[in-house]
C-alpha atoms as a PDB file:
ATOM      1  CA  MET A   1     -10.401  41.367  -5.659  1.00  0.00           C
ATOM      2  CA  ASN A   2      -7.342  40.150  -7.574  1.00  0.00           C
ATOM      3  CA  PHE A   3      -5.527  39.697  -4.298  1.00  0.00           C
ATOM      4  CA  ARG A   4      -8.280  37.386  -3.012  1.00  0.00           C
ATOM      5  CA  PHE A   5      -8.221  35.356  -6.200  1.00  0.00           C
ATOM      6  CA  ALA A   6      -4.438  35.008  -6.091  1.00  0.00           C
ATOM      7  CA  PHE A   7      -4.582  33.992  -2.432  1.00  0.00           C
ATOM      8  CA  ALA A   8      -7.257  31.370  -3.169  1.00  0.00           C
ATOM      9  CA  VAL A   9      -5.182  29.904  -6.013  1.00  0.00           C
ATOM     10  CA  LEU A  10      -2.081  29.833  -3.833  1.00  0.00           C
ATOM     11  CA  ALA A  11      -3.977  28.095  -1.033  1.00  0.00           C
ATOM     12  CA  LEU A  12      -5.277  25.458  -3.446  1.00  0.00           C
ATOM     13  CA  LEU A  13      -1.820  24.830  -4.871  1.00  0.00           C
ATOM     14  CA  LEU A  14      -0.251  24.453  -1.439  1.00  0.00           C
ATOM     15  CA  GLY A  15      -3.047  22.184  -0.269  1.00  0.00           C
ATOM     16  CA  SER A  16      -2.754  19.902  -3.273  1.00  0.00           C
ATOM     17  CA  ALA A  17       1.040  19.753  -2.934  1.00  0.00           C
ATOM     18  CA  GLN A  18       0.751  18.682   0.696  1.00  0.00           C
ATOM     19  CA  ALA A  19      -1.853  16.041  -0.168  1.00  0.00           C
ATOM     20  CA  ALA A  20       0.455  14.569  -2.824  1.00  0.00           C
ATOM     21  CA  ASP A  21       3.261  14.148  -0.267  1.00  0.00           C
ATOM     22  CA  LYS A  22       1.218  11.887   2.018  1.00  0.00           C
ATOM     23  CA  PRO A  23       1.762   8.131   1.631  1.00  0.00           C
ATOM     24  CA  PRO A  24      -1.282   6.080   0.675  1.00  0.00           C
ATOM     25  CA  THR A  25      -3.335   4.662   3.523  1.00  0.00           C
ATOM     26  CA  SER A  26      -3.643   0.917   4.015  1.00  0.00           C
ATOM     27  CA  GLN A  27      -7.142   1.063   2.530  1.00  0.00           C
ATOM     28  CA  GLN A  28      -5.814   2.846  -0.555  1.00  0.00           C
ATOM     29  CA  GLN A  29      -3.019   0.275  -0.870  1.00  0.00           C
ATOM     30  CA  ARG A  30      -5.530  -2.571  -0.531  1.00  0.00           C
ATOM     31  CA  PHE A  31      -7.822  -1.046  -3.151  1.00  0.00           C
ATOM     32  CA  GLY A  32      -4.889  -0.589  -5.531  1.00  0.00           C
ATOM     33  CA  ALA A  33      -3.833  -4.211  -5.104  1.00  0.00           C
ATOM     34  CA  CYS A  34      -7.412  -5.364  -5.657  1.00  0.00           C
ATOM     35  CA  SER A  35      -7.645  -3.259  -8.798  1.00  0.00           C
ATOM     36  CA  LYS A  36      -4.402  -4.725 -10.173  1.00  0.00           C
ATOM     37  CA  GLU A  37      -5.628  -8.246  -9.444  1.00  0.00           C
ATOM     38  CA  ALA A  38      -8.971  -7.562 -11.145  1.00  0.00           C
ATOM     39  CA  SER A  39      -7.141  -6.199 -14.186  1.00  0.00           C
ATOM     40  CA  SER A  40      -4.803  -9.194 -14.336  1.00  0.00           C
ATOM     41  CA  LYS A  41      -7.865 -11.453 -14.313  1.00  0.00           C
ATOM     42  CA  SER A  42      -9.419  -9.335 -17.108  1.00  0.00           C
ATOM     43  CA  LEU A  43     -12.556  -8.782 -15.052  1.00  0.00           C
ATOM     44  CA  ALA A  44     -15.095  -6.245 -16.286  1.00  0.00           C
ATOM     45  CA  GLY A  45     -18.595  -5.079 -15.503  1.00  0.00           C
ATOM     46  CA  ASP A  46     -20.517  -6.824 -12.743  1.00  0.00           C
ATOM     47  CA  ALA A  47     -17.827  -9.471 -12.251  1.00  0.00           C
ATOM     48  CA  ARG A  48     -15.238  -6.756 -11.565  1.00  0.00           C
ATOM     49  CA  LYS A  49     -17.594  -4.912  -9.207  1.00  0.00           C
ATOM     50  CA  ALA A  50     -18.281  -8.097  -7.259  1.00  0.00           C
ATOM     51  CA  PHE A  51     -14.588  -8.975  -7.067  1.00  0.00           C
ATOM     52  CA  MET A  52     -13.611  -5.458  -5.984  1.00  0.00           C
ATOM     53  CA  SER A  53     -16.286  -5.468  -3.296  1.00  0.00           C
ATOM     54  CA  ASP A  54     -15.115  -8.806  -1.886  1.00  0.00           C
ATOM     55  CA  CYS A  55     -11.454  -7.889  -2.179  1.00  0.00           C
ATOM     56  CA  ALA A  56     -11.787  -4.442  -0.602  1.00  0.00           C
ATOM     57  CA  SER A  57     -13.734  -5.899   2.329  1.00  0.00           C
ATOM     58  CA  GLY A  58     -10.964  -8.451   2.949  1.00  0.00           C
ATOM     59  CA  LYS A  59     -12.802 -11.557   1.743  1.00  0.00           C
ATOM     60  CA  THR A  60      -9.949 -12.475  -0.621  1.00  0.00           C
ATOM     61  CA  ALA A  61      -6.248 -13.042  -0.017  1.00  0.00           C
ATOM     62  CA  VAL A  62      -5.290 -10.108  -2.241  1.00  0.00           C
ATOM     63  CA  ALA A  63      -6.591  -7.624   0.326  1.00  0.00           C
ATOM     64  CA  ALA A  64      -4.179  -8.921   2.955  1.00  0.00           C
ATOM     65  CA  ALA A  65      -1.107  -8.815   0.707  1.00  0.00           C
ATOM     66  CA  PRO A  66      -0.094  -5.143   0.749  1.00  0.00           C
ATOM     67  CA  ARG A  67       1.740  -4.205   3.932  1.00  0.00           C
ATOM     68  CA  THR A  68       3.454  -1.069   5.017  1.00  0.00           C
ATOM     69  CA  PRO A  69       7.250  -1.109   5.308  1.00  0.00           C
ATOM     70  CA  GLN A  70       6.894  -1.102   9.097  1.00  0.00           C
ATOM     71  CA  GLU A  71       4.636  -4.168   9.002  1.00  0.00           C
ATOM     72  CA  ARG A  72       7.096  -5.982   6.704  1.00  0.00           C
ATOM     73  CA  MET A  73       9.994  -5.094   9.019  1.00  0.00           C
ATOM     74  CA  THR A  74       8.103  -6.399  12.049  1.00  0.00           C
ATOM     75  CA  ALA A  75       7.186  -9.645  10.302  1.00  0.00           C
ATOM     76  CA  CYS A  76      10.735 -10.188   9.020  1.00  0.00           C
ATOM     77  CA  ASN A  77      12.188  -9.493  12.474  1.00  0.00           C
ATOM     78  CA  LYS A  78       9.832 -12.059  14.019  1.00  0.00           C
ATOM     79  CA  ASP A  79      10.782 -14.639  11.402  1.00  0.00           C
ATOM     80  CA  ALA A  80      14.510 -13.992  11.897  1.00  0.00           C
ATOM     81  CA  ALA A  81      14.119 -14.283  15.673  1.00  0.00           C
ATOM     82  CA  ALA A  82      12.141 -17.505  15.327  1.00  0.00           C
ATOM     83  CA  LYS A  83      14.947 -18.933  13.180  1.00  0.00           C
ATOM     84  CA  GLN A  84      17.508 -17.665  15.731  1.00  0.00           C
ATOM     85  CA  LEU A  85      19.548 -15.945  13.034  1.00  0.00           C
ATOM     86  CA  SER A  86      22.372 -13.565  13.840  1.00  0.00           C
ATOM     87  CA  GLY A  87      25.236 -11.863  12.039  1.00  0.00           C
ATOM     88  CA  GLN A  88      25.536 -12.151   8.278  1.00  0.00           C
ATOM     89  CA  PRO A  89      22.856 -14.877   7.901  1.00  0.00           C
ATOM     90  CA  ARG A  90      20.381 -12.530   9.629  1.00  0.00           C
ATOM     91  CA  LYS A  91      21.393  -9.625   7.376  1.00  0.00           C
ATOM     92  CA  ASP A  92      20.957 -11.781   4.274  1.00  0.00           C
ATOM     93  CA  PHE A  93      17.608 -13.094   5.475  1.00  0.00           C
ATOM     94  CA  MET A  94      16.329  -9.607   6.360  1.00  0.00           C
ATOM     95  CA  SER A  95      17.405  -8.248   2.981  1.00  0.00           C
ATOM     96  CA  SER A  96      15.616 -10.967   1.031  1.00  0.00           C
ATOM     97  CA  CYS A  97      12.575 -10.874   3.322  1.00  0.00           C
ATOM     98  CA  LEU A  98      12.111  -7.118   2.962  1.00  0.00           C
ATOM     99  CA  LYS A  99      12.550  -7.238  -0.816  1.00  0.00           C
ATOM    100  CA  ALA A 100       9.944 -10.006  -1.104  1.00  0.00           C
ATOM    101  CA  GLY A 101       7.364  -8.024   0.886  1.00  0.00           C
END
């Protein structure tokens, strides 16, 4: 019986460690950004619930703000190509664009 208990504990520990290594999904990122925005606006109670509902469903600009690093890279590459940048100006632009994301 002790062996089964130890195995169960080990399985739980390994499972939780693997879950912690996964990056947040876009929905989790959006919800986090919405929560930060609601806190910065000092919203509470029903006003916070209403804001979070609208924000999480994409009805506010905050929900669109968080992007994955791949999405930022794609957007910055498109902008650099549209501006026909190359060499050092492109490197400088890409650096500032990715930091701003």
